[in-house]
Amino acid sequence: MLKQFLPNEYLKSIFHLQPEKLKDQGIKGIITDLDNTLVEWDRPNATPRLVDWLEEMKRNNMKITIVSNNNQSRVKAFSEPLSIPFIHKARKPLGSGFRKAAKEMGLSREETVIVGDQLLTDIFGGNRAGFYTILVVPVAQSDGFFTRFNRMIERKIMASLKRKGLIQWEEEM
């Protein structure tokens, strides 16, 4: 059971995802969380660095869809100026939002990665749905109300994974 919380890969940030490496793995699409994965949970718009990264991904024919548990107004206001498809109120860790995003991109699970900052929603949900999962460090130290609760549980899971020797990276959440 604990292994379902273990990501396939761990990166410091979304910016460490390189299109060449993804293509070498047969990846054609990225399903990404929004809050504290792409930008701080309380930042309304993309940063210039994120805009550049998204443009690089698009130049390399990498499809991107945002799958978020947040409400439509938040996700739409962020996604539409960037012309990025999105799914709001995804009810992660349920896998339906991930499967719907892959289907809308016209990609299989094997051609798609899930990227997120939370073990309990992004990684657990992505793993259960059969996707390759990548955990990133949250871009902000602060979180919304529900995420603060999740982080307490995540710290316990991470400690258990570390004790069992399942974590292969240095940084902790």
Protein backbone atom coordinates (compact mmCIF):
# COMPACT_ATOMS: atom_id res chain seq x y z
CA MET A 1 0.00 0.00 0.00
CA LEU A 2 2.75 2.45 0.93
CA LYS A 3 4.41 2.05 -2.49
CA GLN A 4 1.35 3.63 -4.12
CA PHE A 5 2.53 6.93 -2.62
CA LEU A 6 6.00 6.57 -4.13
CA PRO A 7 6.57 8.64 -7.29
CA ASN A 8 8.46 7.16 -10.22
CA GLU A 9 10.67 10.25 -10.22
CA TYR A 10 11.45 13.22 -8.00
CA LEU A 11 12.48 16.66 -9.30
CA LYS A 12 13.14 19.97 -7.60
CA SER A 13 10.74 21.79 -9.93
CA ILE A 14 8.73 21.60 -13.12
CA PHE A 15 11.63 23.41 -14.80
CA HIS A 16 13.77 20.28 -14.48
CA LEU A 17 11.45 18.47 -16.90
CA GLN A 18 13.27 18.47 -20.23
CA PRO A 19 11.39 17.76 -23.48
CA GLU A 20 14.27 15.76 -24.95
CA LYS A 21 14.35 13.39 -21.97
CA LEU A 22 10.57 13.01 -22.02
CA LYS A 23 10.63 12.21 -25.74
CA ASP A 24 13.38 9.62 -25.16
CA GLN A 25 10.99 7.95 -22.68
CA GLY A 26 8.20 7.94 -25.27
CA ILE A 27 6.33 10.72 -23.45
CA LYS A 28 4.16 13.03 -25.56
CA GLY A 29 2.06 14.69 -22.87
CA ILE A 30 2.17 16.18 -19.39
CA ILE A 31 -0.73 16.26 -16.97
CA THR A 32 0.19 18.78 -14.33
CA ASP A 33 -1.30 20.08 -11.13
CA LEU A 34 -1.65 23.86 -10.85
CA ASP A 35 -1.31 25.16 -7.30
CA ASN A 36 2.19 24.86 -5.81
CA THR A 37 3.30 22.82 -8.83
CA LEU A 38 3.29 25.46 -11.58
CA VAL A 39 2.88 28.57 -9.41
CA GLU A 40 2.18 29.44 -5.78
CA TRP A 41 -1.37 28.55 -4.74
CA ASP A 42 -2.27 32.21 -4.35
CA ARG A 43 -0.58 33.54 -7.56
CA PRO A 44 -3.23 34.26 -10.21
CA ASN A 45 -1.01 34.19 -13.32
CA ALA A 46 1.98 32.37 -14.77
CA THR A 47 5.45 33.76 -14.14
CA PRO A 48 7.59 34.75 -17.15
CA ARG A 49 9.83 31.74 -16.48
CA LEU A 50 6.83 29.41 -16.53
CA VAL A 51 5.55 30.98 -19.77
CA ASP A 52 8.97 30.33 -21.35
CA TRP A 53 8.96 26.71 -20.13
CA LEU A 54 5.45 26.12 -21.47
CA GLU A 55 6.43 27.61 -24.84
CA GLU A 56 9.49 25.34 -24.97
CA MET A 57 7.29 22.32 -24.31
CA LYS A 58 4.86 23.37 -27.05
CA ARG A 59 7.75 23.93 -29.52
CA ASN A 60 8.76 20.34 -28.80
CA ASN A 61 5.21 19.10 -29.52
CA MET A 62 4.61 18.21 -25.88
CA LYS A 63 0.89 18.36 -25.01
CA ILE A 64 -0.02 19.80 -21.60
CA THR A 65 -3.24 19.67 -19.60
CA ILE A 66 -3.78 21.07 -16.11
CA VAL A 67 -5.76 18.80 -13.76
CA SER A 68 -6.67 20.59 -10.54
CA ASN A 69 -8.95 20.06 -7.58
CA ASN A 70 -9.51 23.82 -7.49
CA ASN A 71 -12.66 25.55 -8.74
CA GLN A 72 -13.37 26.52 -12.33
CA SER A 73 -12.82 30.26 -11.92
CA ARG A 74 -9.31 29.75 -10.48
CA VAL A 75 -8.16 27.19 -13.04
CA LYS A 76 -9.81 28.89 -16.03
CA ALA A 77 -8.35 32.32 -15.18
CA PHE A 78 -4.87 30.78 -15.06
CA SER A 79 -5.15 28.41 -18.04
CA GLU A 80 -7.04 30.35 -20.69
CA PRO A 81 -4.47 33.15 -21.24
CA LEU A 82 -1.90 30.38 -21.86
CA SER A 83 -4.21 28.35 -24.13
CA ILE A 84 -3.77 25.29 -21.92
CA PRO A 85 -6.65 22.83 -21.60
CA PHE A 86 -7.72 22.12 -18.03
CA ILE A 87 -9.92 20.00 -15.83
CA HIS A 88 -11.15 21.64 -12.63
CA LYS A 89 -12.67 20.00 -9.54
CA ALA A 90 -10.88 16.82 -10.63
CA ARG A 91 -11.47 15.05 -7.30
CA LYS A 92 -7.92 13.75 -7.13
CA PRO A 93 -6.80 11.18 -6.04
CA LEU A 94 -9.62 9.63 -8.09
CA GLY A 95 -8.19 8.73 -11.49
CA SER A 96 -11.04 9.96 -13.68
CA GLY A 97 -9.55 13.44 -14.17
CA PHE A 98 -6.20 11.99 -15.23
CA ARG A 99 -7.81 9.50 -17.63
CA LYS A 100 -10.04 12.22 -19.11
CA ALA A 101 -7.04 14.52 -19.67
CA ALA A 102 -5.05 11.78 -21.42
CA LYS A 103 -8.05 10.92 -23.60
CA GLU A 104 -8.57 14.58 -24.55
CA MET A 105 -4.88 14.81 -25.53
CA GLY A 106 -5.28 11.64 -27.59
CA LEU A 107 -2.56 9.87 -25.59
CA SER A 108 -2.18 6.59 -23.77
CA ARG A 109 -1.06 6.27 -20.15
CA GLU A 110 2.35 5.16 -21.39
CA GLU A 111 2.72 8.39 -23.37
CA THR A 112 1.75 10.64 -20.45
CA VAL A 113 3.33 11.75 -17.16
CA ILE A 114 1.59 13.15 -14.10
CA VAL A 115 3.45 15.98 -12.35
CA GLY A 116 2.44 17.35 -8.98
CA ASP A 117 3.57 18.52 -5.56
CA GLN A 118 1.32 16.32 -3.38
CA LEU A 119 1.67 12.64 -2.55
CA LEU A 120 -1.96 12.25 -1.47
CA THR A 121 -3.57 13.67 -4.60
CA ASP A 122 -1.20 13.79 -7.57
CA ILE A 123 1.14 10.86 -6.94
CA PHE A 124 -1.27 8.44 -5.25
CA GLY A 125 -3.98 9.21 -7.82
CA GLY A 126 -1.59 9.00 -10.78
CA ASN A 127 -0.10 5.73 -9.58
CA ARG A 128 -3.52 4.17 -8.97
CA ALA A 129 -4.59 5.20 -12.49
CA GLY A 130 -1.47 3.57 -13.99
CA PHE A 131 0.51 6.66 -15.03
CA TYR A 132 4.22 7.51 -14.63
CA THR A 133 4.36 10.02 -11.76
CA ILE A 134 6.78 12.83 -10.96
CA LEU A 135 6.82 14.58 -7.59
CA VAL A 136 8.12 18.15 -7.46
CA VAL A 137 8.94 20.34 -4.48
CA PRO A 138 6.07 22.77 -3.79
CA VAL A 139 6.88 26.23 -5.16
CA ALA A 140 5.57 27.90 -1.98
CA GLN A 141 6.09 27.12 1.67
CA SER A 142 2.50 28.10 2.45
CA ASP A 143 -0.61 26.17 1.45
CA GLY A 144 -4.36 26.54 1.39
CA PHE A 145 -6.41 25.13 4.27
CA PHE A 146 -7.01 21.58 2.93
CA THR A 147 -3.49 21.22 1.60
CA ARG A 148 -2.03 22.01 5.05
CA PHE A 149 -3.92 18.99 6.39
CA ASN A 150 -2.63 16.82 3.53
CA ARG A 151 0.95 17.93 4.19
CA MET A 152 0.78 16.63 7.78
CA ILE A 153 -0.19 13.20 6.49
CA GLU A 154 2.41 13.39 3.70
CA ARG A 155 5.20 14.03 6.22
CA LYS A 156 4.27 10.79 8.00
CA ILE A 157 4.17 8.86 4.73
CA MET A 158 7.53 10.31 3.65
CA ALA A 159 9.09 9.37 7.01
CA SER A 160 7.80 5.83 6.62
CA LEU A 161 9.06 5.59 3.04
CA LYS A 162 12.45 6.82 4.20
CA ARG A 163 12.61 4.34 7.09
CA LYS A 164 11.85 1.51 4.66
CA GLY A 165 14.63 2.71 2.32
CA LEU A 166 12.20 3.43 -0.53
CA ILE A 167 13.18 7.08 -1.01
CA GLN A 168 16.13 7.55 -3.32
CA TRP A 169 16.54 11.34 -3.05
CA GLU A 170 18.10 13.67 -0.52
CA GLU A 171 15.52 16.46 -0.18
CA GLU A 172 12.50 16.02 2.00
CA MET A 173 9.15 17.69 1.70
